[in-house]
Amino acid sequence: MFECKLESGAPIKKVINALKELIDQASWDLSEEGIQLQSMDSSHVALVQLQLDAGNFDKYRCDDLHHLGLNMDNLKKIFGAYTSGSLSISCGQDADNVSFIFEDERNNKCQKYELRLMDLDVEQLGIPEQEYQATFTMSSSEFTRIIKDMLMVGESCTIGVTKGDVSFRAEGELGKAEVTITRDESLEAPKKKKKNKNKKKVKKEKNSDDEGEEEMDDNQKSDEEDEESSEDDEAPVDNLHLDVKENIELSFATQYLKKFTAAGPLAQTVTVSLSEDVPMVIVYEMKDLGHLKYFLAPKIDDDDDDE
């Protein structure tokens, strides 16, 4: 028996929308540790890897290993009906379908769907640990915009990384495009705002209801300010983080990079790792859920083929 629940199904909907851009079907592997997925696109050019940790679910139970073969187009259609509320997923040991329940208590609505499972013969690829020559982390929304701009110009995007900046270049019939982001070393982490320790206490006396309500409002405002401060602290401090052992410059198929950016809404930042002769890795770390990784081999220049 497998069952899990999240108080909000929105992150899973975003995950499915992102996966659908690259793959048509996939085997979802369920275990005590969580939910994993590994699949290549139909052309066997790019690989995607998903990890959702069991501890990040509000409820998670998996008695035995399960492998759920699902059509991504059908899965996206079901989650297209999701608007808000919790998500529950369940599947029996030898069941031929998986159940999805969307519960929106605010609107007193419950939606139930069942999706037939597919018999997929998927071979898991071993991904070895790799030391990369250069790694950079930047805003995921900015990365999405840049890749979109590169795709308008050329089919190939050249990414160059030095110890001070990252550049994106493309060239085609339209012309040329180049975007360079330089690390701003002058930026420092903002100091956290101190919480207001002089909050007014809520009075509980029966003869001071009005006064108590006014002070409650003051507390609520203060709490909201603290939450806003917390959100600001979690925002990316720098425009670019670099870990560069050697300068590097590699070219990749822009259309695949564009498909990867469908995962942009899942995380504030994206981390890209590059090394000669090995696939690039693009990682979206999903807060309190897991991660989504993409692997793509660099393009080989015609000159190298001739040699």
Protein backbone atom coordinates (compact mmCIF):
# COMPACT_ATOMS: atom_id res chain seq x y z
CA MET A 1 0.00 0.00 0.00
CA PHE A 2 1.18 3.50 -0.85
CA GLU A 3 -0.36 6.77 0.23
CA CYS A 4 0.89 10.31 0.70
CA LYS A 5 -0.54 13.74 1.31
CA LEU A 6 0.51 17.35 0.91
CA GLU A 7 -1.47 20.25 2.34
CA SER A 8 -0.93 22.03 -0.97
CA GLY A 9 -0.81 20.24 -4.30
CA ALA A 10 0.52 23.30 -6.14
CA PRO A 11 4.22 22.23 -6.05
CA ILE A 12 3.42 18.80 -7.53
CA LYS A 13 1.38 20.44 -10.27
CA LYS A 14 4.42 22.60 -11.13
CA VAL A 15 6.65 19.51 -11.12
CA ILE A 16 4.35 17.72 -13.57
CA ASN A 17 4.14 20.76 -15.85
CA ALA A 18 7.94 20.90 -15.90
CA LEU A 19 8.41 17.18 -16.60
CA LYS A 20 5.83 17.21 -19.39
CA GLU A 21 8.02 19.63 -21.36
CA LEU A 22 10.71 16.97 -21.70
CA ILE A 23 9.22 13.49 -21.33
CA ASP A 24 6.05 11.71 -22.52
CA GLN A 25 5.96 8.88 -19.97
CA ALA A 26 7.87 7.84 -16.89
CA SER A 27 8.11 5.34 -14.07
CA TRP A 28 7.61 6.87 -10.63
CA ASP A 29 9.55 4.79 -8.11
CA LEU A 30 8.07 4.78 -4.60
CA SER A 31 9.96 3.65 -1.50
CA GLU A 32 10.21 4.41 2.20
CA GLU A 33 12.71 7.18 1.40
CA GLY A 34 10.38 9.01 -0.97
CA ILE A 35 9.42 9.34 -4.62
CA GLN A 36 12.02 9.16 -7.36
CA LEU A 37 11.86 9.49 -11.11
CA GLN A 38 14.54 9.13 -13.76
CA SER A 39 13.81 9.35 -17.46
CA MET A 40 15.31 10.39 -20.78
CA ASP A 41 13.53 12.33 -23.47
CA SER A 42 12.31 10.47 -26.55
CA SER A 43 15.49 11.35 -28.47
CA HIS A 44 17.73 10.09 -25.66
CA VAL A 45 19.55 13.40 -25.54
CA ALA A 46 18.61 14.73 -22.10
CA LEU A 47 18.02 13.08 -18.73
CA VAL A 48 15.79 14.29 -15.90
CA GLN A 49 15.96 13.13 -12.29
CA LEU A 50 13.38 13.92 -9.61
CA GLN A 51 13.65 13.31 -5.88
CA LEU A 52 10.79 14.04 -3.43
CA ASP A 53 11.81 13.20 0.13
CA ALA A 54 9.30 11.28 2.28
CA GLY A 55 9.94 13.53 5.27
CA ASN A 56 8.67 16.55 3.38
CA PHE A 57 5.17 15.13 2.98
CA ASP A 58 2.49 15.80 5.58
CA LYS A 59 1.61 12.13 5.40
CA TYR A 60 3.66 9.36 3.79
CA ARG A 61 3.31 5.59 3.86
CA CYS A 62 4.97 3.05 1.58
CA ASP A 63 4.84 -0.59 2.67
CA ASP A 64 6.63 -1.99 -0.37
CA LEU A 65 8.44 -0.76 -3.45
CA HIS A 66 6.09 0.51 -6.14
CA HIS A 67 6.77 1.44 -9.75
CA LEU A 68 4.03 3.58 -11.27
CA GLY A 69 4.21 3.84 -15.04
CA LEU A 70 2.33 7.01 -15.99
CA ASN A 71 1.60 8.89 -19.18
CA MET A 72 2.69 12.48 -18.56
CA ASP A 73 0.11 14.00 -20.87
CA ASN A 74 -2.73 12.27 -19.01
CA LEU A 75 -1.18 13.21 -15.67
CA LYS A 76 -0.99 16.84 -16.72
CA LYS A 77 -4.66 16.76 -17.75
CA ILE A 78 -5.70 15.53 -14.30
CA PHE A 79 -3.64 18.16 -12.51
CA GLY A 80 -5.07 20.76 -14.84
CA ALA A 81 -8.24 20.36 -12.79
CA TYR A 82 -6.40 21.23 -9.57
CA THR A 83 -6.94 24.79 -8.36
CA SER A 84 -6.21 24.82 -4.62
CA GLY A 85 -6.23 22.71 -1.49
CA SER A 86 -4.55 19.47 -0.46
CA LEU A 87 -3.36 16.58 -2.61
CA SER A 88 -3.61 12.89 -1.66
CA ILE A 89 -2.16 10.06 -3.77
CA SER A 90 -2.78 6.36 -3.13
CA CYS A 91 -2.18 3.03 -4.81
CA GLY A 92 -2.66 -0.60 -3.77
CA GLN A 93 0.05 -3.22 -4.02
CA ASP A 94 -1.24 -4.91 -7.19
CA ALA A 95 -3.56 -2.15 -8.38
CA ASP A 96 -3.73 -1.22 -12.05
CA ASN A 97 -4.52 2.43 -11.32
CA VAL A 98 -3.46 5.25 -9.00
CA SER A 99 -5.86 7.60 -7.21
CA PHE A 100 -5.58 11.36 -6.83
CA ILE A 101 -7.76 13.39 -4.47
CA PHE A 102 -7.90 17.19 -4.44
CA GLU A 103 -9.61 18.56 -1.34
CA ASP A 104 -10.43 22.25 -1.09
CA GLU A 105 -11.97 22.74 2.35
CA ARG A 106 -12.33 26.47 1.87
CA ASN A 107 -14.70 25.94 -1.05
CA ASN A 108 -16.14 22.66 0.27
CA LYS A 109 -14.97 20.82 -2.84
CA CYS A 110 -13.48 17.34 -3.25
CA GLN A 111 -12.24 16.00 -6.60
CA LYS A 112 -11.30 12.35 -7.14
CA TYR A 113 -9.51 10.91 -10.15
CA GLU A 114 -8.06 7.54 -11.10
CA LEU A 115 -5.38 7.09 -13.73
CA ARG A 116 -4.54 3.73 -15.32
CA LEU A 117 -0.97 2.57 -14.90
CA MET A 118 1.30 1.67 -17.80
CA ASP A 119 3.69 -1.27 -17.96
CA LEU A 120 7.00 0.48 -18.63
CA ASP A 121 10.34 -1.26 -18.94
CA VAL A 122 12.66 1.48 -17.71
CA GLU A 123 16.34 0.91 -16.98
CA GLN A 124 17.73 3.16 -14.28
CA LEU A 125 21.02 4.79 -15.20
CA GLY A 126 23.79 5.06 -12.65
CA ILE A 127 24.86 8.69 -12.30
CA PRO A 128 28.38 8.85 -10.81
CA GLU A 129 29.52 11.61 -8.50
CA GLN A 130 31.35 14.23 -10.51
CA GLU A 131 33.72 17.09 -9.73
CA TYR A 132 32.91 20.06 -11.96
CA GLN A 133 35.27 22.69 -13.29
CA ALA A 134 32.74 25.46 -12.76
CA THR A 135 29.44 25.88 -10.94
CA PHE A 136 27.26 28.96 -10.75
CA THR A 137 23.98 29.79 -9.04
CA MET A 138 21.68 32.55 -10.21
CA SER A 139 18.06 33.65 -10.20
CA SER A 140 15.92 31.01 -11.91
CA SER A 141 13.64 33.65 -13.46
CA GLU A 142 16.64 35.51 -14.90
CA PHE A 143 18.06 32.25 -16.27
CA THR A 144 14.71 31.55 -17.94
CA ARG A 145 14.65 35.00 -19.57
CA ILE A 146 18.19 34.65 -20.88
CA ILE A 147 17.62 31.21 -22.39
CA LYS A 148 14.42 32.45 -24.03
CA ASP A 149 16.37 35.33 -25.59
CA MET A 150 19.13 32.99 -26.79
CA LEU A 151 16.59 30.68 -28.43
CA MET A 152 15.24 33.57 -30.53
CA VAL A 153 18.70 34.05 -32.03
CA GLY A 154 20.29 30.63 -32.43
CA GLU A 155 19.93 26.89 -31.99
CA SER A 156 23.11 26.70 -29.94
CA CYS A 157 23.89 28.55 -26.71
CA THR A 158 27.48 28.93 -25.54
CA ILE A 159 27.89 29.30 -21.80
CA GLY A 160 31.18 30.68 -20.52
CA VAL A 161 32.15 30.80 -16.85
CA THR A 162 35.10 32.62 -15.29
CA LYS A 163 35.90 33.48 -11.71
CA GLY A 164 34.17 36.81 -12.17
CA ASP A 165 31.24 36.32 -14.52
CA VAL A 166 28.97 34.09 -16.58
CA SER A 167 28.22 34.74 -20.25
CA PHE A 168 25.59 33.38 -22.63
CA ARG A 169 26.08 33.68 -26.41
CA ALA A 170 24.06 32.65 -29.43
CA GLU A 171 24.44 33.23 -33.16
CA GLY A 172 22.10 32.57 -36.07
CA GLU A 173 20.53 34.01 -39.18
CA LEU A 174 18.95 36.73 -37.08
CA GLY A 175 22.32 37.89 -35.83
CA LYS A 176 24.14 37.56 -32.52
CA ALA A 177 23.22 37.85 -28.87
CA GLU A 178 25.35 37.96 -25.75
CA VAL A 179 24.42 38.39 -22.10
CA THR A 180 27.05 38.67 -19.37
CA ILE A 181 26.34 38.62 -15.65
CA THR A 182 29.12 39.81 -13.40
CA ARG A 183 29.40 38.88 -9.76
CA ASP A 184 28.80 41.93 -7.61
CA GLU A 185 31.25 41.57 -4.75
CA SER A 186 29.97 44.75 -3.11
CA LEU A 187 26.69 43.09 -2.21
CA GLU A 188 26.50 41.96 1.37
CA ALA A 189 23.92 39.91 3.16
CA PRO A 190 21.32 42.25 4.63
CA LYS A 191 21.01 42.19 8.37
CA LYS A 192 17.93 40.50 9.64
CA LYS A 193 15.35 42.80 11.06
CA LYS A 194 14.94 42.44 14.77
CA LYS A 195 11.57 41.33 15.89
CA ASN A 196 9.61 43.80 17.94
CA LYS A 197 10.13 42.59 21.48
CA ASN A 198 7.80 45.26 22.86
CA LYS A 199 4.61 43.80 21.49
CA LYS A 200 1.54 44.74 23.41
CA LYS A 201 -0.03 41.87 25.26
CA VAL A 202 -3.56 40.89 24.39
CA LYS A 203 -5.79 41.67 27.32
CA LYS A 204 -8.20 38.94 28.28
CA GLU A 205 -10.43 40.91 30.64
CA LYS A 206 -14.05 40.79 29.72
CA ASN A 207 -14.52 44.51 30.29
CA SER A 208 -11.85 45.54 27.78
CA ASP A 209 -12.87 43.74 24.61
CA ASP A 210 -12.44 46.75 22.36
CA GLU A 211 -9.02 47.59 23.71
CA GLY A 212 -7.98 43.97 23.41
CA GLU A 213 -9.05 43.85 19.78
CA GLU A 214 -6.97 46.94 18.97
CA GLU A 215 -3.92 45.40 20.59
CA MET A 216 -4.52 42.14 18.75
CA ASP A 217 -4.38 44.11 15.49
CA ASP A 218 -1.02 45.55 16.56
CA ASN A 219 0.28 42.02 17.18
CA GLN A 220 -1.00 40.80 13.84
CA LYS A 221 0.70 43.67 12.04
CA SER A 222 3.93 42.92 13.84
CA ASP A 223 3.67 39.23 12.94
CA GLU A 224 3.07 40.12 9.31
CA GLU A 225 6.14 42.36 9.33
CA ASP A 226 8.19 39.52 10.79
CA GLU A 227 6.94 37.17 8.06
CA GLU A 228 7.83 39.70 5.39
CA SER A 229 11.27 40.09 6.96
CA SER A 230 11.70 36.31 6.92
CA GLU A 231 10.78 36.16 3.24
CA ASP A 232 13.31 38.90 2.48
CA ASP A 233 16.00 36.95 4.35
CA GLU A 234 15.28 33.86 2.26
CA ALA A 235 15.60 35.76 -1.03
CA PRO A 236 18.84 35.40 -2.98
CA VAL A 237 21.41 37.80 -1.52
CA ASP A 238 23.71 38.01 -4.52
CA ASN A 239 22.92 38.16 -8.22
CA LEU A 240 25.48 35.44 -8.95
CA HIS A 241 27.38 32.85 -6.92
CA LEU A 242 30.46 31.27 -8.52
CA ASP A 243 32.60 28.25 -7.70
CA VAL A 244 35.19 28.09 -10.45
CA LYS A 245 38.26 25.86 -10.46
CA GLU A 246 38.96 26.49 -14.15
CA ASN A 247 37.46 28.84 -16.69
CA ILE A 248 35.24 26.96 -19.10
CA GLU A 249 33.18 27.51 -22.24
CA LEU A 250 30.75 24.95 -23.66
CA SER A 251 27.88 24.96 -26.15
CA PHE A 252 24.47 23.33 -25.71
CA ALA A 253 21.27 22.88 -27.69
CA THR A 254 19.15 25.89 -26.79
CA GLN A 255 15.85 24.08 -27.32
CA TYR A 256 16.70 21.67 -24.49
CA LEU A 257 17.80 24.45 -22.17
CA LYS A 258 14.44 26.09 -22.85
CA LYS A 259 12.62 22.89 -21.85
CA PHE A 260 14.59 22.76 -18.61
CA THR A 261 13.52 26.28 -17.68
CA ALA A 262 9.93 25.00 -17.34
CA ALA A 263 11.08 24.09 -13.81
CA GLY A 264 11.83 27.74 -13.04
CA PRO A 265 8.66 28.31 -10.97
CA LEU A 266 9.77 25.55 -8.57
CA ALA A 267 12.73 27.44 -7.09
CA GLN A 268 14.09 30.93 -6.59
CA THR A 269 17.51 29.94 -7.86
CA VAL A 270 19.05 27.50 -10.32
CA THR A 271 22.49 25.92 -10.08
CA VAL A 272 24.44 24.99 -13.23
CA SER A 273 27.57 22.82 -13.18
CA LEU A 274 29.92 22.43 -16.15
CA SER A 275 32.94 20.31 -17.02
CA GLU A 276 34.67 19.23 -20.20
CA ASP A 277 33.46 15.99 -21.81
CA VAL A 278 30.65 15.33 -19.28
CA PRO A 279 26.99 16.37 -19.29
CA MET A 280 26.06 19.66 -17.70
CA VAL A 281 23.82 19.49 -14.61
CA ILE A 282 21.05 21.98 -13.94
CA VAL A 283 19.54 21.74 -10.45
CA TYR A 284 16.36 23.27 -9.09
CA GLU A 285 16.20 22.83 -5.31
CA MET A 286 12.55 22.80 -4.21
CA LYS A 287 12.19 24.12 -0.68
CA ASP A 288 10.72 21.57 1.73
CA LEU A 289 10.11 19.06 -1.07
CA GLY A 290 13.19 17.80 -2.93
CA HIS A 291 15.03 18.58 -6.15
CA LEU A 292 14.77 18.36 -9.92
CA LYS A 293 17.93 17.78 -11.96
CA TYR A 294 18.55 17.91 -15.69
CA PHE A 295 21.55 16.46 -17.53
CA LEU A 296 22.59 17.49 -21.05
CA ALA A 297 25.76 16.67 -22.98
CA PRO A 298 27.60 19.59 -24.63
CA LYS A 299 27.53 19.99 -28.39
CA ILE A 300 30.61 18.87 -30.29
CA ASP A 301 32.08 21.34 -32.75
CA ASP A 302 32.38 20.30 -36.37
CA ASP A 303 36.07 21.06 -36.15
CA ASP A 304 36.46 18.41 -33.45
CA ASP A 305 34.64 15.87 -35.65
CA ASP A 306 37.02 16.55 -38.52
CA GLU A 307 40.01 15.86 -36.33
